[in-house]
N, C-alpha and C. Protein backbone atom coordinates (compact mmCIF):
# COMPACT_ATOMS: atom_id res chain seq x y z
N MET A 1 83.69 193.98 62.70
CA MET A 1 82.72 193.32 61.86
C MET A 1 83.37 192.08 61.25
N SER A 2 82.66 190.98 61.24
CA SER A 2 83.20 189.75 60.70
C SER A 2 82.73 189.55 59.25
N VAL A 3 83.46 190.19 58.34
CA VAL A 3 83.15 190.09 56.91
C VAL A 3 84.44 189.84 56.15
N LYS A 4 84.30 189.35 54.92
CA LYS A 4 85.46 189.24 54.04
C LYS A 4 85.07 189.84 52.69
N PRO A 5 86.02 190.52 52.02
CA PRO A 5 85.70 191.13 50.73
C PRO A 5 85.80 190.11 49.60
N VAL A 6 84.85 190.15 48.66
CA VAL A 6 84.89 189.35 47.44
C VAL A 6 84.46 190.24 46.28
N GLU A 7 84.71 189.76 45.07
CA GLU A 7 84.29 190.52 43.89
C GLU A 7 82.83 190.23 43.59
N LEU A 8 82.13 191.21 43.11
CA LEU A 8 80.70 191.10 42.82
C LEU A 8 80.41 189.97 41.84
N GLY A 9 81.29 189.75 40.88
CA GLY A 9 81.10 188.70 39.89
C GLY A 9 81.21 187.29 40.45
N GLU A 10 81.78 187.13 41.64
CA GLU A 10 81.94 185.80 42.25
C GLU A 10 80.70 185.33 42.99
N LEU A 11 79.75 186.22 43.27
CA LEU A 11 78.56 185.85 44.04
C LEU A 11 77.64 184.96 43.22
N LYS A 12 77.10 183.95 43.85
CA LYS A 12 76.16 183.01 43.21
C LYS A 12 74.85 183.01 44.00
N ASP A 13 73.81 182.41 43.41
CA ASP A 13 72.53 182.28 44.12
C ASP A 13 72.74 181.48 45.39
N GLY A 14 72.17 181.96 46.50
CA GLY A 14 72.28 181.27 47.78
C GLY A 14 73.42 181.76 48.64
N SER A 15 74.35 182.52 48.07
CA SER A 15 75.46 183.02 48.88
C SER A 15 75.00 184.26 49.66
N PHE A 16 75.81 184.70 50.59
CA PHE A 16 75.48 185.85 51.43
C PHE A 16 76.25 187.08 50.98
N VAL A 17 75.68 188.25 51.20
CA VAL A 17 76.32 189.52 50.89
C VAL A 17 75.79 190.58 51.86
N VAL A 18 76.61 191.59 52.16
CA VAL A 18 76.18 192.70 53.02
C VAL A 18 75.78 193.87 52.12
N ILE A 19 74.51 194.29 52.22
CA ILE A 19 74.02 195.45 51.47
C ILE A 19 73.48 196.45 52.49
N ASP A 20 74.00 197.67 52.47
CA ASP A 20 73.59 198.71 53.43
C ASP A 20 73.74 198.23 54.87
N ASN A 21 74.83 197.55 55.18
CA ASN A 21 75.14 197.01 56.52
C ASN A 21 74.12 196.00 57.01
N ILE A 22 73.41 195.34 56.08
CA ILE A 22 72.43 194.31 56.44
C ILE A 22 72.80 193.03 55.71
N PRO A 23 72.93 191.91 56.44
CA PRO A 23 73.26 190.65 55.77
C PRO A 23 72.09 190.15 54.94
N CYS A 24 72.37 189.74 53.71
CA CYS A 24 71.34 189.30 52.78
C CYS A 24 71.76 188.00 52.10
N ARG A 25 70.76 187.26 51.59
CA ARG A 25 71.01 186.05 50.80
C ARG A 25 70.68 186.37 49.35
N VAL A 26 71.62 186.04 48.45
CA VAL A 26 71.44 186.32 47.02
C VAL A 26 70.37 185.38 46.46
N VAL A 27 69.35 185.95 45.79
CA VAL A 27 68.30 185.13 45.18
C VAL A 27 68.43 185.08 43.66
N SER A 28 69.07 186.08 43.05
CA SER A 28 69.33 186.01 41.62
C SER A 28 70.50 186.92 41.27
N HIS A 29 71.21 186.54 40.21
CA HIS A 29 72.30 187.36 39.72
C HIS A 29 72.33 187.29 38.19
N ASP A 30 72.62 188.43 37.56
CA ASP A 30 72.71 188.52 36.11
C ASP A 30 74.03 189.19 35.75
N LYS A 31 74.73 188.60 34.78
CA LYS A 31 75.95 189.23 34.26
C LYS A 31 75.66 189.67 32.84
N SER A 32 76.12 190.88 32.49
CA SER A 32 75.96 191.34 31.12
C SER A 32 77.26 192.01 30.69
N LYS A 33 77.76 191.60 29.57
CA LYS A 33 78.97 192.19 29.01
C LYS A 33 78.54 193.40 28.21
N THR A 34 79.14 194.54 28.49
CA THR A 34 78.78 195.73 27.74
C THR A 34 79.55 195.72 26.42
N GLY A 35 79.93 196.86 25.92
CA GLY A 35 80.55 196.97 24.60
C GLY A 35 81.96 196.39 24.52
N LYS A 36 82.64 196.74 23.45
CA LYS A 36 83.95 196.19 23.14
C LYS A 36 84.98 196.51 24.23
N HIS A 37 84.92 197.70 24.78
CA HIS A 37 85.91 198.09 25.78
C HIS A 37 85.33 198.21 27.19
N GLY A 38 84.07 197.92 27.35
CA GLY A 38 83.43 198.06 28.66
C GLY A 38 83.66 196.82 29.52
N SER A 39 83.50 196.98 30.80
CA SER A 39 83.64 195.82 31.70
C SER A 39 82.26 195.20 31.93
N ALA A 40 82.27 193.95 32.34
CA ALA A 40 81.02 193.23 32.58
C ALA A 40 80.30 193.85 33.77
N LYS A 41 78.99 193.98 33.66
CA LYS A 41 78.18 194.50 34.75
C LYS A 41 77.44 193.34 35.41
N VAL A 42 77.25 193.45 36.72
CA VAL A 42 76.56 192.40 37.48
C VAL A 42 75.40 193.05 38.22
N ARG A 43 74.25 192.39 38.17
CA ARG A 43 73.08 192.85 38.93
C ARG A 43 72.73 191.74 39.92
N ILE A 44 72.74 192.08 41.20
CA ILE A 44 72.45 191.13 42.29
C ILE A 44 71.14 191.53 42.94
N VAL A 45 70.24 190.57 43.11
CA VAL A 45 69.01 190.77 43.87
C VAL A 45 69.13 189.89 45.11
N ALA A 46 68.97 190.49 46.29
CA ALA A 46 69.15 189.76 47.54
C ALA A 46 68.02 190.09 48.51
N ILE A 47 67.74 189.16 49.41
CA ILE A 47 66.70 189.34 50.42
C ILE A 47 67.39 189.38 51.79
N GLY A 48 67.02 190.36 52.62
CA GLY A 48 67.58 190.47 53.96
C GLY A 48 67.31 189.21 54.76
N ILE A 49 68.33 188.65 55.39
CA ILE A 49 68.19 187.39 56.13
C ILE A 49 67.21 187.54 57.29
N PHE A 50 67.29 188.65 58.00
CA PHE A 50 66.48 188.80 59.21
C PHE A 50 65.26 189.68 59.03
N ASP A 51 65.25 190.57 58.02
CA ASP A 51 64.09 191.44 57.85
C ASP A 51 63.23 191.10 56.63
N GLY A 52 63.75 190.30 55.69
CA GLY A 52 62.96 189.86 54.54
C GLY A 52 62.78 190.89 53.44
N PHE A 53 63.44 192.04 53.51
CA PHE A 53 63.31 193.07 52.48
C PHE A 53 64.24 192.79 51.31
N LYS A 54 63.77 193.13 50.09
CA LYS A 54 64.56 192.92 48.87
C LYS A 54 65.50 194.10 48.68
N ARG A 55 66.76 193.78 48.31
CA ARG A 55 67.76 194.81 48.05
C ARG A 55 68.51 194.46 46.77
N ASN A 56 69.04 195.49 46.07
CA ASN A 56 69.74 195.29 44.80
C ASN A 56 71.12 195.92 44.84
N ILE A 57 72.04 195.33 44.07
CA ILE A 57 73.34 195.93 43.81
C ILE A 57 73.57 195.80 42.31
N VAL A 58 74.01 196.89 41.68
CA VAL A 58 74.43 196.86 40.27
C VAL A 58 75.80 197.49 40.21
N GLY A 59 76.74 196.79 39.58
CA GLY A 59 78.08 197.34 39.48
C GLY A 59 78.96 196.49 38.59
N PRO A 60 80.20 196.94 38.38
CA PRO A 60 81.14 196.15 37.58
C PRO A 60 81.48 194.84 38.29
N ALA A 61 81.82 193.82 37.51
CA ALA A 61 82.07 192.48 38.07
C ALA A 61 83.25 192.47 39.03
N ASP A 62 84.19 193.41 38.87
CA ASP A 62 85.36 193.41 39.76
C ASP A 62 85.19 194.33 40.97
N GLN A 63 83.99 194.86 41.18
CA GLN A 63 83.72 195.69 42.37
C GLN A 63 83.78 194.82 43.61
N ARG A 64 84.40 195.32 44.69
CA ARG A 64 84.52 194.58 45.94
C ARG A 64 83.29 194.81 46.80
N VAL A 65 82.72 193.72 47.34
CA VAL A 65 81.61 193.79 48.28
C VAL A 65 81.95 192.91 49.48
N ASP A 66 81.28 193.16 50.60
CA ASP A 66 81.53 192.38 51.81
C ASP A 66 80.59 191.19 51.88
N VAL A 67 81.14 190.05 52.30
CA VAL A 67 80.36 188.84 52.54
C VAL A 67 80.45 188.54 54.03
N PRO A 68 79.31 188.41 54.73
CA PRO A 68 79.37 188.16 56.18
C PRO A 68 79.81 186.73 56.47
N LEU A 69 80.55 186.57 57.55
CA LEU A 69 80.93 185.25 58.01
C LEU A 69 79.84 184.77 58.96
N VAL A 70 79.17 183.69 58.59
CA VAL A 70 78.04 183.17 59.36
C VAL A 70 78.57 182.14 60.35
N GLU A 71 78.35 182.39 61.63
CA GLU A 71 78.77 181.46 62.67
C GLU A 71 77.52 180.71 63.16
N LYS A 72 77.48 179.41 62.90
CA LYS A 72 76.32 178.59 63.29
C LYS A 72 76.67 177.89 64.59
N ARG A 73 75.84 178.10 65.64
CA ARG A 73 76.16 177.54 66.95
C ARG A 73 74.91 176.96 67.60
N ALA A 74 75.14 176.17 68.64
CA ALA A 74 74.04 175.52 69.37
C ALA A 74 73.86 176.19 70.73
N ALA A 75 72.63 176.21 71.19
CA ALA A 75 72.31 176.80 72.50
C ALA A 75 71.12 176.06 73.09
N GLN A 76 70.92 176.29 74.38
CA GLN A 76 69.78 175.69 75.07
C GLN A 76 68.88 176.82 75.57
N VAL A 77 67.57 176.64 75.44
CA VAL A 77 66.61 177.64 75.88
C VAL A 77 66.54 177.60 77.41
N ILE A 78 66.76 178.74 78.05
CA ILE A 78 66.66 178.83 79.51
C ILE A 78 65.25 179.27 79.90
N SER A 79 64.80 180.36 79.28
CA SER A 79 63.44 180.83 79.56
C SER A 79 62.90 181.61 78.38
N ILE A 80 61.58 181.70 78.32
CA ILE A 80 60.90 182.41 77.24
C ILE A 80 60.13 183.57 77.85
N MET A 81 60.47 184.79 77.44
CA MET A 81 59.81 185.99 77.91
C MET A 81 58.83 186.47 76.83
N PRO A 82 58.04 187.52 77.11
CA PRO A 82 57.07 187.97 76.11
C PRO A 82 57.69 188.34 74.75
N ASP A 83 58.84 189.04 74.74
CA ASP A 83 59.43 189.49 73.48
C ASP A 83 60.75 188.82 73.14
N THR A 84 61.40 188.21 74.14
CA THR A 84 62.73 187.64 73.92
C THR A 84 62.81 186.20 74.44
N VAL A 85 63.92 185.56 74.08
CA VAL A 85 64.20 184.20 74.55
C VAL A 85 65.59 184.24 75.16
N GLN A 86 65.72 183.71 76.38
CA GLN A 86 67.02 183.67 77.04
C GLN A 86 67.67 182.33 76.69
N LEU A 87 68.92 182.39 76.18
CA LEU A 87 69.63 181.20 75.73
C LEU A 87 70.96 181.05 76.44
N MET A 88 71.46 179.80 76.46
CA MET A 88 72.80 179.54 76.97
C MET A 88 73.57 178.84 75.85
N ASP A 89 74.67 179.45 75.42
CA ASP A 89 75.52 178.88 74.39
C ASP A 89 76.13 177.58 74.92
N LEU A 90 76.00 176.49 74.16
CA LEU A 90 76.47 175.19 74.63
C LEU A 90 77.98 175.01 74.50
N SER A 91 78.67 175.92 73.81
CA SER A 91 80.13 175.79 73.69
C SER A 91 80.87 176.52 74.80
N ASN A 92 80.38 177.69 75.21
CA ASN A 92 81.10 178.46 76.25
C ASN A 92 80.21 178.82 77.45
N TYR A 93 78.97 178.34 77.47
CA TYR A 93 78.03 178.51 78.58
C TYR A 93 77.68 179.98 78.87
N GLU A 94 77.86 180.83 77.88
CA GLU A 94 77.47 182.24 77.99
C GLU A 94 75.95 182.33 77.86
N THR A 95 75.31 183.17 78.68
CA THR A 95 73.87 183.37 78.56
C THR A 95 73.61 184.73 77.91
N PHE A 96 72.59 184.78 77.07
CA PHE A 96 72.23 186.00 76.36
C PHE A 96 70.78 185.91 75.94
N GLU A 97 70.23 187.06 75.52
CA GLU A 97 68.84 187.11 75.06
C GLU A 97 68.80 187.46 73.58
N VAL A 98 67.85 186.86 72.87
CA VAL A 98 67.61 187.18 71.47
C VAL A 98 66.12 187.45 71.28
N LYS A 99 65.79 188.17 70.20
CA LYS A 99 64.38 188.41 69.90
C LYS A 99 63.71 187.09 69.52
N LYS A 100 62.42 186.99 69.85
CA LYS A 100 61.67 185.80 69.45
C LYS A 100 61.63 185.72 67.93
N PRO A 101 61.77 184.51 67.37
CA PRO A 101 61.68 184.38 65.91
C PRO A 101 60.25 184.62 65.41
N ASN A 102 60.12 185.05 64.16
CA ASN A 102 58.80 185.32 63.57
C ASN A 102 58.16 184.05 63.04
N ASP A 103 58.94 183.03 62.77
CA ASP A 103 58.46 181.78 62.19
C ASP A 103 57.60 181.01 63.20
N GLU A 104 56.35 180.77 62.85
CA GLU A 104 55.41 180.09 63.76
C GLU A 104 55.84 178.65 64.04
N GLU A 105 56.46 177.99 63.06
CA GLU A 105 56.91 176.61 63.25
C GLU A 105 57.98 176.52 64.33
N ILE A 106 58.92 177.47 64.33
CA ILE A 106 59.97 177.51 65.35
C ILE A 106 59.35 177.87 66.71
N LEU A 107 58.45 178.86 66.73
CA LEU A 107 57.84 179.29 67.99
C LEU A 107 57.07 178.16 68.66
N SER A 108 56.41 177.32 67.88
CA SER A 108 55.61 176.24 68.46
C SER A 108 56.48 175.19 69.14
N LYS A 109 57.73 175.02 68.70
CA LYS A 109 58.63 174.02 69.28
C LYS A 109 59.51 174.60 70.38
N LEU A 110 59.45 175.92 70.59
CA LEU A 110 60.32 176.59 71.55
C LEU A 110 59.81 176.41 72.97
N VAL A 111 60.52 175.61 73.77
CA VAL A 111 60.17 175.39 75.17
C VAL A 111 61.45 175.43 76.00
N SER A 112 61.33 175.65 77.29
CA SER A 112 62.50 175.66 78.16
C SER A 112 63.19 174.30 78.11
N GLY A 113 64.51 174.34 77.99
CA GLY A 113 65.29 173.11 77.92
C GLY A 113 65.53 172.61 76.51
N ALA A 114 64.84 173.18 75.52
CA ALA A 114 65.02 172.74 74.12
C ALA A 114 66.38 173.19 73.60
N GLU A 115 66.96 172.39 72.72
CA GLU A 115 68.22 172.73 72.10
C GLU A 115 67.92 173.37 70.74
N ILE A 116 68.56 174.50 70.46
CA ILE A 116 68.30 175.23 69.23
C ILE A 116 69.61 175.51 68.49
N GLU A 117 69.48 175.88 67.22
CA GLU A 117 70.63 176.36 66.45
C GLU A 117 70.40 177.84 66.22
N PHE A 118 71.45 178.65 66.47
CA PHE A 118 71.35 180.07 66.20
C PHE A 118 72.52 180.50 65.33
N TRP A 119 72.28 181.55 64.56
CA TRP A 119 73.31 182.12 63.70
C TRP A 119 73.76 183.44 64.30
N ASP A 120 75.07 183.65 64.33
CA ASP A 120 75.66 184.90 64.77
C ASP A 120 76.26 185.57 63.52
N ILE A 121 75.55 186.59 63.01
CA ILE A 121 75.98 187.29 61.81
C ILE A 121 76.11 188.77 62.14
N LEU A 122 77.29 189.33 61.92
CA LEU A 122 77.54 190.75 62.19
C LEU A 122 77.13 191.11 63.62
N ASN A 123 77.48 190.26 64.57
CA ASN A 123 77.19 190.44 65.99
C ASN A 123 75.71 190.51 66.30
N GLU A 124 74.89 189.92 65.46
CA GLU A 124 73.44 189.80 65.68
C GLU A 124 73.12 188.32 65.76
N LYS A 125 72.45 187.91 66.83
CA LYS A 125 72.12 186.50 67.01
C LYS A 125 70.64 186.28 66.72
N HIS A 126 70.35 185.20 65.95
CA HIS A 126 68.98 184.87 65.60
C HIS A 126 68.79 183.36 65.65
N ILE A 127 67.65 182.93 66.19
CA ILE A 127 67.31 181.51 66.23
C ILE A 127 66.90 181.07 64.84
N VAL A 128 67.49 179.97 64.38
CA VAL A 128 67.22 179.47 63.03
C VAL A 128 66.33 178.24 63.06
N ARG A 129 66.60 177.33 64.01
CA ARG A 129 65.78 176.11 64.08
C ARG A 129 65.88 175.48 65.46
N VAL A 130 64.89 174.64 65.77
CA VAL A 130 64.90 173.87 67.01
C VAL A 130 65.36 172.47 66.64
N LYS A 131 66.34 171.96 67.38
CA LYS A 131 66.89 170.63 67.06
C LYS A 131 65.98 169.52 67.57
């Protein structure tokens, strides 16, 4: 798995975090200092990058969590099937299939020969935009 550990208190809005083995983008974070001898608590609200579900983490600020390493790469569309899109990575010419994106704007621009950007997160590839 391509992740790196960071402390919960270091996460900011817009950063990525792995919750329940699903990569998510942080949409809000709150820090609260408890009593005189207590440690600061952090509440993170994040949305799954690929599934759109909301997830929460609450814990001490020094708790370690995993942050996924996002690899942004370019590919060319080879063919479009009913459920998947066949792509060729432009850096190593590897061919692979990914699920069709849900975004109608991306789907409307998706044609054979088009150049796209895809993200490889936790060994899952997803089309992000058409160049």
